[in-house]
């Protein structure tokens, strides 16, 4: 229901703004069942291709940042606990865990559009090289998302070539050969 979703999103955004925690249940039957959990949200992301919001949050009990789909979160409420150092910790986490892949993309309209939809969760930069008639797309992602990024690259078929890093090139090549 839109009004419930709006209230959940509003609560999460307020928690981010005030550096407060949220309490929530996160349930996906048959996969996981977390009840009355506590995290400190730091970012909301949206994927056009999946038509889904997810949050990045710090889990103090596990001492790590996690991502969760908003669609599986229930009973979200603002907590009282604050963590003022969260911005600095998240920046440090990003500095350590952010990776980059560079793709050459053929200038076919639907492919470029699809790249932006598929990689909508991630920071990306596109440049058009008129002389070589190709796009270069740089995608920054978290190390934990690498398997998903590789799957998405493979889904684009022969319209896309990984130019760097070499490690991702090798992995894509290996999977194509399989």
N, C-alpha and C. Protein backbone atom coordinates (compact mmCIF):
# COMPACT_ATOMS: atom_id res chain seq x y z
N UNK A 1 0.84 -1.18 0.00
CA UNK A 1 0.00 0.00 0.00
C UNK A 1 0.88 1.24 0.00
N UNK A 2 0.62 2.20 -0.91
CA UNK A 2 1.47 3.38 -1.06
C UNK A 2 1.65 4.21 0.21
N UNK A 3 0.59 4.40 1.00
CA UNK A 3 0.74 5.25 2.20
C UNK A 3 1.63 4.59 3.24
N UNK A 4 1.56 3.27 3.38
CA UNK A 4 2.44 2.56 4.32
C UNK A 4 3.87 2.66 3.84
N UNK A 5 4.09 2.44 2.52
CA UNK A 5 5.43 2.54 1.97
C UNK A 5 5.99 3.95 2.16
N UNK A 6 5.19 4.96 1.90
CA UNK A 6 5.62 6.35 2.07
C UNK A 6 6.03 6.60 3.52
N UNK A 7 5.27 6.10 4.48
CA UNK A 7 5.60 6.29 5.89
C UNK A 7 6.89 5.58 6.27
N UNK A 8 7.11 4.38 5.72
CA UNK A 8 8.35 3.64 5.98
C UNK A 8 9.53 4.43 5.42
N UNK A 9 9.41 4.87 4.19
CA UNK A 9 10.48 5.64 3.56
C UNK A 9 10.75 6.93 4.33
N UNK A 10 9.70 7.60 4.76
CA UNK A 10 9.84 8.83 5.54
C UNK A 10 10.57 8.56 6.86
N UNK A 11 10.26 7.45 7.51
CA UNK A 11 10.92 7.07 8.76
C UNK A 11 12.41 6.82 8.53
N UNK A 12 12.73 6.10 7.47
CA UNK A 12 14.13 5.80 7.16
C UNK A 12 14.90 7.08 6.83
N UNK A 13 14.30 7.94 6.04
CA UNK A 13 14.97 9.20 5.69
C UNK A 13 15.19 10.08 6.92
N UNK A 14 14.24 10.08 7.82
CA UNK A 14 14.41 10.83 9.07
C UNK A 14 15.55 10.24 9.91
N UNK A 15 15.62 8.91 9.96
CA UNK A 15 16.70 8.25 10.70
C UNK A 15 18.06 8.63 10.10
N UNK A 16 18.15 8.67 8.78
CA UNK A 16 19.40 9.06 8.13
C UNK A 16 19.76 10.49 8.49
N UNK A 17 18.79 11.37 8.39
CA UNK A 17 19.01 12.79 8.67
C UNK A 17 19.43 13.03 10.12
N UNK A 18 18.84 12.30 11.05
CA UNK A 18 19.10 12.52 12.48
C UNK A 18 20.13 11.55 13.05
N UNK A 19 20.72 10.68 12.19
CA UNK A 19 21.71 9.67 12.61
C UNK A 19 21.14 8.72 13.66
N UNK A 20 19.85 8.42 13.55
CA UNK A 20 19.19 7.54 14.51
C UNK A 20 19.03 6.13 13.93
N UNK A 21 18.78 5.20 14.83
CA UNK A 21 18.55 3.83 14.41
C UNK A 21 17.08 3.64 14.02
N UNK A 22 16.83 2.52 13.35
CA UNK A 22 15.46 2.08 13.12
C UNK A 22 15.33 0.67 13.66
N UNK A 23 14.14 0.33 14.10
CA UNK A 23 13.79 -1.03 14.49
C UNK A 23 12.90 -1.56 13.37
N UNK A 24 13.04 -2.85 13.06
CA UNK A 24 12.28 -3.40 11.93
C UNK A 24 12.23 -4.92 12.01
N UNK A 25 11.35 -5.48 11.21
CA UNK A 25 11.33 -6.91 10.92
C UNK A 25 11.67 -7.02 9.44
N UNK A 26 12.44 -8.04 9.08
CA UNK A 26 12.80 -8.26 7.68
C UNK A 26 12.57 -9.73 7.38
N UNK A 27 11.50 -10.00 6.65
CA UNK A 27 11.05 -11.38 6.48
C UNK A 27 10.84 -11.69 4.99
N UNK A 28 11.48 -12.75 4.55
CA UNK A 28 11.24 -13.31 3.22
C UNK A 28 11.04 -14.80 3.44
N UNK A 29 9.78 -15.25 3.44
CA UNK A 29 9.47 -16.64 3.79
C UNK A 29 10.34 -17.66 3.03
N UNK A 30 10.89 -18.58 3.81
CA UNK A 30 11.75 -19.61 3.25
C UNK A 30 13.20 -19.19 3.08
N UNK A 31 13.51 -17.90 3.24
CA UNK A 31 14.89 -17.43 3.07
C UNK A 31 15.46 -16.82 4.35
N UNK A 32 14.71 -15.90 4.95
CA UNK A 32 15.20 -15.31 6.20
C UNK A 32 14.03 -14.74 6.98
N UNK A 33 14.27 -14.61 8.30
CA UNK A 33 13.23 -14.13 9.20
C UNK A 33 13.91 -13.39 10.36
N UNK A 34 14.08 -12.08 10.21
CA UNK A 34 14.69 -11.25 11.24
C UNK A 34 13.60 -10.42 11.89
N UNK A 35 13.56 -10.46 13.22
CA UNK A 35 12.51 -9.72 13.93
C UNK A 35 13.13 -8.79 14.98
N UNK A 36 12.53 -7.61 15.06
CA UNK A 36 12.95 -6.56 15.99
C UNK A 36 14.46 -6.32 15.92
N UNK A 37 14.96 -6.19 14.70
CA UNK A 37 16.37 -5.88 14.47
C UNK A 37 16.57 -4.37 14.56
N UNK A 38 17.82 -3.97 14.72
CA UNK A 38 18.17 -2.55 14.82
C UNK A 38 19.35 -2.28 13.89
N UNK A 39 19.19 -1.24 13.05
CA UNK A 39 20.29 -0.77 12.20
C UNK A 39 20.24 0.75 12.14
N UNK A 40 21.34 1.31 11.64
CA UNK A 40 21.45 2.75 11.42
C UNK A 40 21.51 2.98 9.91
N UNK A 41 20.42 3.40 9.28
CA UNK A 41 20.44 3.60 7.83
C UNK A 41 21.35 4.77 7.43
N UNK A 42 22.03 4.61 6.29
CA UNK A 42 22.92 5.67 5.80
C UNK A 42 22.58 6.10 4.38
N UNK A 43 21.83 5.26 3.63
CA UNK A 43 21.58 5.59 2.23
C UNK A 43 20.37 4.80 1.74
N UNK A 44 19.59 5.42 0.85
CA UNK A 44 18.49 4.74 0.16
C UNK A 44 18.86 4.69 -1.31
N UNK A 45 18.71 3.51 -1.92
CA UNK A 45 19.00 3.32 -3.34
C UNK A 45 17.73 2.85 -4.04
N UNK A 46 17.66 3.16 -5.34
CA UNK A 46 16.52 2.70 -6.13
C UNK A 46 17.03 2.07 -7.42
N UNK A 47 16.48 0.93 -7.79
CA UNK A 47 16.81 0.26 -9.04
C UNK A 47 15.62 0.37 -9.99
N UNK A 48 15.85 0.99 -11.15
CA UNK A 48 14.79 1.08 -12.16
C UNK A 48 14.44 -0.30 -12.70
N UNK A 49 15.46 -1.11 -12.97
CA UNK A 49 15.23 -2.42 -13.58
C UNK A 49 14.43 -3.33 -12.66
N UNK A 50 14.69 -3.25 -11.37
CA UNK A 50 13.98 -4.09 -10.40
C UNK A 50 12.78 -3.38 -9.81
N UNK A 51 12.63 -2.08 -10.10
CA UNK A 51 11.59 -1.25 -9.51
C UNK A 51 11.53 -1.48 -8.01
N UNK A 52 12.69 -1.29 -7.36
CA UNK A 52 12.81 -1.64 -5.95
C UNK A 52 13.75 -0.66 -5.24
N UNK A 53 13.37 -0.32 -4.02
CA UNK A 53 14.22 0.46 -3.14
C UNK A 53 14.97 -0.49 -2.22
N UNK A 54 16.19 -0.12 -1.86
CA UNK A 54 16.91 -0.84 -0.81
C UNK A 54 17.66 0.18 0.01
N UNK A 55 17.99 -0.22 1.23
CA UNK A 55 18.73 0.70 2.09
C UNK A 55 20.09 0.10 2.42
N UNK A 56 21.05 0.98 2.61
CA UNK A 56 22.35 0.62 3.16
C UNK A 56 22.29 1.07 4.61
N UNK A 57 22.73 0.19 5.50
CA UNK A 57 22.64 0.51 6.92
C UNK A 57 23.78 -0.14 7.68
N UNK A 58 24.08 0.44 8.83
CA UNK A 58 25.12 -0.11 9.70
C UNK A 58 24.46 -0.96 10.77
N UNK A 59 24.90 -2.22 10.86
CA UNK A 59 24.43 -3.14 11.89
C UNK A 59 25.49 -3.16 12.99
N UNK A 60 25.18 -2.54 14.10
CA UNK A 60 26.14 -2.40 15.19
C UNK A 60 26.50 -3.75 15.80
N UNK A 61 25.53 -4.65 15.94
CA UNK A 61 25.81 -5.98 16.52
C UNK A 61 26.80 -6.77 15.68
N UNK A 62 26.71 -6.65 14.35
CA UNK A 62 27.61 -7.38 13.46
C UNK A 62 28.81 -6.55 13.04
N UNK A 63 28.83 -5.28 13.43
CA UNK A 63 29.90 -4.34 13.10
C UNK A 63 30.18 -4.33 11.61
N UNK A 64 29.10 -4.15 10.82
CA UNK A 64 29.28 -4.10 9.37
C UNK A 64 28.09 -3.38 8.72
N UNK A 65 28.32 -2.94 7.49
CA UNK A 65 27.26 -2.32 6.70
C UNK A 65 26.56 -3.41 5.91
N UNK A 66 25.23 -3.28 5.80
CA UNK A 66 24.43 -4.27 5.09
C UNK A 66 23.47 -3.55 4.15
N UNK A 67 22.89 -4.32 3.22
CA UNK A 67 21.86 -3.79 2.32
C UNK A 67 20.62 -4.64 2.49
N UNK A 68 19.45 -3.98 2.44
CA UNK A 68 18.17 -4.68 2.57
C UNK A 68 17.17 -4.09 1.60
N UNK A 69 16.34 -4.96 1.04
CA UNK A 69 15.26 -4.50 0.18
C UNK A 69 14.12 -3.98 1.04
N UNK A 70 13.64 -2.80 0.71
CA UNK A 70 12.53 -2.22 1.46
C UNK A 70 11.27 -3.07 1.37
N UNK A 71 11.13 -3.82 0.28
CA UNK A 71 9.91 -4.60 0.07
C UNK A 71 9.73 -5.72 1.09
N UNK A 72 10.80 -6.14 1.75
CA UNK A 72 10.69 -7.22 2.74
C UNK A 72 10.70 -6.69 4.18
N UNK A 73 10.85 -5.39 4.33
CA UNK A 73 10.91 -4.81 5.67
C UNK A 73 9.51 -4.45 6.16
N UNK A 74 9.23 -4.81 7.39
CA UNK A 74 7.93 -4.53 8.02
C UNK A 74 8.15 -3.90 9.40
N UNK A 75 7.12 -3.26 9.89
CA UNK A 75 7.13 -2.69 11.25
C UNK A 75 8.34 -1.78 11.48
N UNK A 76 8.63 -0.94 10.51
CA UNK A 76 9.77 -0.02 10.61
C UNK A 76 9.38 1.15 11.48
N UNK A 77 10.21 1.40 12.50
CA UNK A 77 9.95 2.53 13.40
C UNK A 77 11.26 3.16 13.83
N UNK A 78 11.21 4.45 14.07
CA UNK A 78 12.37 5.22 14.46
C UNK A 78 12.78 4.89 15.89
N UNK A 79 14.07 4.68 16.09
CA UNK A 79 14.57 4.41 17.44
C UNK A 79 15.11 5.67 18.08
N UNK A 80 15.54 5.55 19.32
CA UNK A 80 16.07 6.70 20.06
C UNK A 80 17.60 6.79 19.96
N UNK A 81 18.26 5.64 19.80
CA UNK A 81 19.73 5.62 19.79
C UNK A 81 20.27 6.39 18.59
N UNK A 82 21.37 7.12 18.85
CA UNK A 82 22.02 7.92 17.81
C UNK A 82 23.45 7.43 17.62
N UNK A 83 23.97 7.63 16.42
CA UNK A 83 25.37 7.34 16.14
C UNK A 83 25.89 8.47 15.27
N UNK A 84 26.50 9.47 15.91
CA UNK A 84 26.94 10.66 15.18
C UNK A 84 28.16 10.42 14.30
N UNK A 85 28.95 9.39 14.57
CA UNK A 85 30.16 9.14 13.79
C UNK A 85 29.88 8.34 12.52
N UNK A 86 28.61 8.06 12.24
CA UNK A 86 28.24 7.17 11.15
C UNK A 86 28.69 7.67 9.77
N UNK A 87 28.60 8.96 9.52
CA UNK A 87 29.01 9.49 8.21
C UNK A 87 30.48 9.19 7.94
N UNK A 88 31.33 9.41 8.93
CA UNK A 88 32.76 9.16 8.76
C UNK A 88 33.03 7.67 8.58
N UNK A 89 32.35 6.83 9.35
CA UNK A 89 32.53 5.38 9.21
C UNK A 89 32.07 4.88 7.85
N UNK A 90 30.96 5.41 7.35
CA UNK A 90 30.46 4.99 6.06
C UNK A 90 31.40 5.44 4.94
N UNK A 91 31.93 6.65 5.05
CA UNK A 91 32.89 7.14 4.05
C UNK A 91 34.12 6.24 4.04
N UNK A 92 34.62 5.87 5.19
CA UNK A 92 35.79 4.98 5.27
C UNK A 92 35.45 3.61 4.65
N UNK A 93 34.27 3.10 4.97
CA UNK A 93 33.82 1.83 4.40
C UNK A 93 33.78 1.91 2.87
N UNK A 94 33.23 3.00 2.34
CA UNK A 94 33.16 3.18 0.89
C UNK A 94 34.56 3.27 0.27
N UNK A 95 35.45 4.01 0.93
CA UNK A 95 36.81 4.15 0.41
C UNK A 95 37.51 2.79 0.30
N UNK A 96 37.28 1.94 1.25
CA UNK A 96 37.93 0.62 1.27
C UNK A 96 37.25 -0.37 0.32
N UNK A 97 35.94 -0.31 0.20
CA UNK A 97 35.18 -1.35 -0.49
C UNK A 97 34.63 -0.99 -1.87
N UNK A 98 34.86 0.23 -2.34
CA UNK A 98 34.34 0.61 -3.65
C UNK A 98 35.29 0.13 -4.74
N UNK A 99 34.70 -0.52 -5.73
CA UNK A 99 35.43 -1.04 -6.89
C UNK A 99 34.88 -0.34 -8.13
N UNK A 100 35.61 -0.46 -9.23
CA UNK A 100 35.18 0.17 -10.47
C UNK A 100 35.37 -0.80 -11.62
N UNK A 101 34.40 -0.83 -12.52
CA UNK A 101 34.52 -1.58 -13.77
C UNK A 101 34.24 -0.60 -14.90
N UNK A 102 35.01 -0.75 -16.00
CA UNK A 102 34.84 0.12 -17.16
C UNK A 102 34.41 -0.74 -18.33
N UNK A 103 33.34 -0.30 -18.98
CA UNK A 103 32.77 -1.04 -20.11
C UNK A 103 32.80 -0.19 -21.36
N UNK A 104 33.11 -0.82 -22.49
CA UNK A 104 32.87 -0.19 -23.79
C UNK A 104 31.52 -0.71 -24.26
N UNK A 105 30.65 0.21 -24.65
CA UNK A 105 29.29 -0.16 -25.01
C UNK A 105 29.01 0.32 -26.43
N UNK A 106 28.49 -0.58 -27.26
CA UNK A 106 28.14 -0.19 -28.63
C UNK A 106 27.04 0.87 -28.59
N UNK A 107 27.08 1.81 -29.53
CA UNK A 107 26.12 2.93 -29.51
C UNK A 107 24.74 2.55 -30.04
N UNK A 108 24.20 1.50 -29.49
CA UNK A 108 22.84 1.08 -29.84
C UNK A 108 21.94 1.61 -28.74
N UNK A 109 20.95 2.43 -29.11
CA UNK A 109 20.11 3.13 -28.12
C UNK A 109 19.57 2.26 -27.02
N UNK A 110 18.99 1.12 -27.37
CA UNK A 110 18.37 0.29 -26.33
C UNK A 110 19.41 -0.29 -25.38
N UNK A 111 20.66 -0.47 -25.83
CA UNK A 111 21.71 -1.03 -24.97
C UNK A 111 22.14 0.01 -23.93
N UNK A 112 22.35 1.24 -24.37
CA UNK A 112 22.73 2.30 -23.43
C UNK A 112 21.63 2.49 -22.40
N UNK A 113 20.41 2.56 -22.88
CA UNK A 113 19.26 2.72 -21.97
C UNK A 113 19.21 1.56 -20.97
N UNK A 114 19.41 0.35 -21.47
CA UNK A 114 19.37 -0.83 -20.59
C UNK A 114 20.52 -0.80 -19.57
N UNK A 115 21.70 -0.35 -20.00
CA UNK A 115 22.84 -0.23 -19.07
C UNK A 115 22.47 0.69 -17.91
N UNK A 116 21.85 1.83 -18.23
CA UNK A 116 21.50 2.76 -17.15
C UNK A 116 20.42 2.18 -16.24
N UNK A 117 19.50 1.42 -16.79
CA UNK A 117 18.49 0.79 -15.94
C UNK A 117 19.10 -0.32 -15.09
N UNK A 118 19.88 -1.20 -15.72
CA UNK A 118 20.48 -2.33 -14.99
C UNK A 118 21.38 -1.85 -13.87
N UNK A 119 22.18 -0.84 -14.14
CA UNK A 119 23.15 -0.37 -13.16
C UNK A 119 22.66 0.85 -12.38
N UNK A 120 21.34 0.99 -12.26
CA UNK A 120 20.78 2.18 -11.60
C UNK A 120 21.10 2.26 -10.11
N UNK A 121 21.41 1.13 -9.46
CA UNK A 121 21.80 1.16 -8.05
C UNK A 121 23.16 1.83 -7.85
N UNK A 122 23.97 1.88 -8.89
CA UNK A 122 25.38 2.24 -8.74
C UNK A 122 25.68 3.62 -9.29
N UNK A 123 26.77 4.21 -8.78
CA UNK A 123 27.27 5.45 -9.36
C UNK A 123 27.87 5.09 -10.71
N UNK A 124 27.54 5.87 -11.73
CA UNK A 124 28.06 5.56 -13.05
C UNK A 124 28.29 6.85 -13.82
N UNK A 125 29.21 6.74 -14.77
CA UNK A 125 29.57 7.86 -15.61
C UNK A 125 29.68 7.35 -17.03
N UNK A 126 28.99 7.99 -17.96
CA UNK A 126 29.05 7.59 -19.37
C UNK A 126 29.68 8.70 -20.19
N UNK A 127 30.51 8.29 -21.13
CA UNK A 127 31.12 9.24 -22.07
C UNK A 127 30.97 8.67 -23.48
N UNK A 128 30.68 9.54 -24.42
CA UNK A 128 30.58 9.11 -25.81
C UNK A 128 31.84 9.53 -26.54
N UNK A 129 32.49 8.59 -27.19
CA UNK A 129 33.69 8.84 -28.00
C UNK A 129 33.23 8.88 -29.46
N UNK A 130 33.05 10.09 -29.96
CA UNK A 130 32.51 10.28 -31.32
C UNK A 130 33.45 9.70 -32.37
N UNK A 131 34.74 9.86 -32.14
CA UNK A 131 35.74 9.37 -33.11
C UNK A 131 35.67 7.86 -33.29
N UNK A 132 35.50 7.12 -32.19
CA UNK A 132 35.43 5.66 -32.25
C UNK A 132 34.01 5.13 -32.23
N UNK A 133 33.04 6.04 -32.16
CA UNK A 133 31.62 5.68 -32.15
C UNK A 133 31.31 4.60 -31.10
N UNK A 134 31.62 4.92 -29.83
CA UNK A 134 31.32 4.00 -28.74
C UNK A 134 31.15 4.79 -27.44
N UNK A 135 30.46 4.18 -26.53
CA UNK A 135 30.30 4.74 -25.19
C UNK A 135 31.25 4.03 -24.24
N UNK A 136 31.75 4.77 -23.28
CA UNK A 136 32.50 4.18 -22.18
C UNK A 136 31.66 4.42 -20.93
N UNK A 137 31.41 3.35 -20.21
CA UNK A 137 30.60 3.44 -19.00
C UNK A 137 31.43 2.97 -17.81
N UNK A 138 31.64 3.87 -16.84
CA UNK A 138 32.34 3.53 -15.60
C UNK A 138 31.29 3.30 -14.53
N UNK A 139 31.39 2.18 -13.86
CA UNK A 139 30.43 1.83 -12.82
C UNK A 139 31.19 1.61 -11.52
N UNK A 140 30.81 2.32 -10.48
CA UNK A 140 31.40 2.11 -9.16
C UNK A 140 30.41 1.30 -8.33
N UNK A 141 30.91 0.27 -7.68
CA UNK A 141 30.06 -0.63 -6.92
C UNK A 141 30.82 -1.10 -5.69
N UNK A 142 30.09 -1.67 -4.75
CA UNK A 142 30.72 -2.22 -3.55
C UNK A 142 31.19 -3.65 -3.84
N UNK A 143 32.28 -4.01 -3.23
CA UNK A 143 32.87 -5.34 -3.40
C UNK A 143 31.82 -6.44 -3.21
N UNK A 144 30.93 -6.27 -2.27
CA UNK A 144 29.89 -7.27 -1.99
C UNK A 144 28.90 -7.43 -3.13
N UNK A 145 28.83 -6.45 -4.03
CA UNK A 145 27.90 -6.49 -5.17
C UNK A 145 28.55 -7.02 -6.45
N UNK A 146 29.79 -7.46 -6.37
CA UNK A 146 30.51 -7.82 -7.59
C UNK A 146 29.86 -8.96 -8.38
N UNK A 147 29.39 -9.98 -7.71
CA UNK A 147 28.74 -11.10 -8.43
C UNK A 147 27.53 -10.61 -9.20
N UNK A 148 26.75 -9.72 -8.61
CA UNK A 148 25.57 -9.15 -9.27
C UNK A 148 25.99 -8.30 -10.47
N UNK A 149 27.04 -7.52 -10.33
CA UNK A 149 27.53 -6.68 -11.42
C UNK A 149 27.99 -7.55 -12.59
N UNK A 150 28.70 -8.61 -12.31
CA UNK A 150 29.17 -9.51 -13.37
C UNK A 150 27.99 -10.16 -14.09
N UNK A 151 26.99 -10.61 -13.33
CA UNK A 151 25.78 -11.18 -13.96
C UNK A 151 25.11 -10.16 -14.88
N UNK A 152 25.04 -8.91 -14.41
CA UNK A 152 24.41 -7.87 -15.21
C UNK A 152 25.21 -7.58 -16.49
N UNK A 153 26.53 -7.58 -16.39
CA UNK A 153 27.36 -7.38 -17.57
C UNK A 153 27.11 -8.50 -18.58
N UNK A 154 27.09 -9.72 -18.09
CA UNK A 154 26.85 -10.87 -18.98
C UNK A 154 25.48 -10.78 -19.66
N UNK A 155 24.50 -10.22 -18.97
CA UNK A 155 23.16 -10.14 -19.54
C UNK A 155 23.09 -9.19 -20.74
N UNK A 156 24.10 -8.35 -20.92
CA UNK A 156 24.12 -7.40 -22.02
C UNK A 156 24.71 -7.99 -23.30
N UNK A 157 25.22 -9.20 -23.21
CA UNK A 157 25.71 -9.90 -24.40
C UNK A 157 26.89 -9.22 -25.06
N UNK A 158 26.96 -9.39 -26.38
CA UNK A 158 28.09 -8.91 -27.15
C UNK A 158 28.15 -7.41 -27.38
N UNK A 159 27.16 -6.68 -26.88
CA UNK A 159 27.16 -5.23 -27.04
C UNK A 159 28.12 -4.53 -26.09
N UNK A 160 28.64 -5.29 -25.11
CA UNK A 160 29.46 -4.70 -24.06
C UNK A 160 30.77 -5.47 -23.93
N UNK A 161 31.87 -4.71 -23.77
CA UNK A 161 33.18 -5.31 -23.54
C UNK A 161 33.76 -4.69 -22.26
N UNK A 162 34.24 -5.53 -21.36
CA UNK A 162 34.90 -5.04 -20.15
C UNK A 162 36.31 -4.62 -20.53
N UNK A 163 36.65 -3.35 -20.27
CA UNK A 163 38.01 -2.88 -20.58
C UNK A 163 38.91 -2.87 -19.35
N UNK A 164 38.33 -2.75 -18.18
CA UNK A 164 39.09 -2.88 -16.94
C UNK A 164 38.14 -3.10 -15.78
N UNK A 165 38.58 -3.72 -14.75
CA UNK A 165 39.90 -4.29 -14.49
C UNK A 165 40.07 -5.65 -15.18
N UNK A 166 41.29 -6.06 -15.30
CA UNK A 166 41.63 -7.32 -15.97
C UNK A 166 40.96 -8.50 -15.27
N UNK A 167 40.87 -8.46 -13.97
CA UNK A 167 40.27 -9.55 -13.19
C UNK A 167 38.82 -9.79 -13.60
N UNK A 168 38.06 -8.72 -13.82
CA UNK A 168 36.66 -8.85 -14.24
C UNK A 168 36.60 -9.34 -15.69
N UNK A 169 37.52 -8.85 -16.54
CA UNK A 169 37.58 -9.34 -17.91
C UNK A 169 37.72 -10.86 -17.92
N UNK A 170 38.67 -11.36 -17.13
CA UNK A 170 38.92 -12.80 -17.08
C UNK A 170 37.70 -13.57 -16.58
N UNK A 171 37.02 -13.04 -15.57
CA UNK A 171 35.84 -13.71 -15.03
C UNK A 171 34.71 -13.76 -16.05
N UNK A 172 34.48 -12.67 -16.75
CA UNK A 172 33.44 -12.63 -17.78
C UNK A 172 33.79 -13.61 -18.89
N UNK A 173 35.04 -13.62 -19.34
CA UNK A 173 35.49 -14.53 -20.39
C UNK A 173 35.29 -15.99 -19.96
N UNK A 174 35.69 -16.28 -18.71
CA UNK A 174 35.55 -17.65 -18.19
C UNK A 174 34.09 -18.10 -18.22
N UNK A 175 33.20 -17.23 -17.81
CA UNK A 175 31.78 -17.60 -17.78
C UNK A 175 31.20 -17.75 -19.18
N UNK A 176 31.65 -16.92 -20.11
CA UNK A 176 31.20 -17.06 -21.49
C UNK A 176 31.65 -18.41 -22.05
N UNK A 177 32.88 -18.78 -21.77
CA UNK A 177 33.44 -20.03 -22.28
C UNK A 177 32.73 -21.26 -21.68
N UNK A 178 32.22 -21.11 -20.46
CA UNK A 178 31.50 -22.22 -19.82
C UNK A 178 30.16 -22.41 -20.49
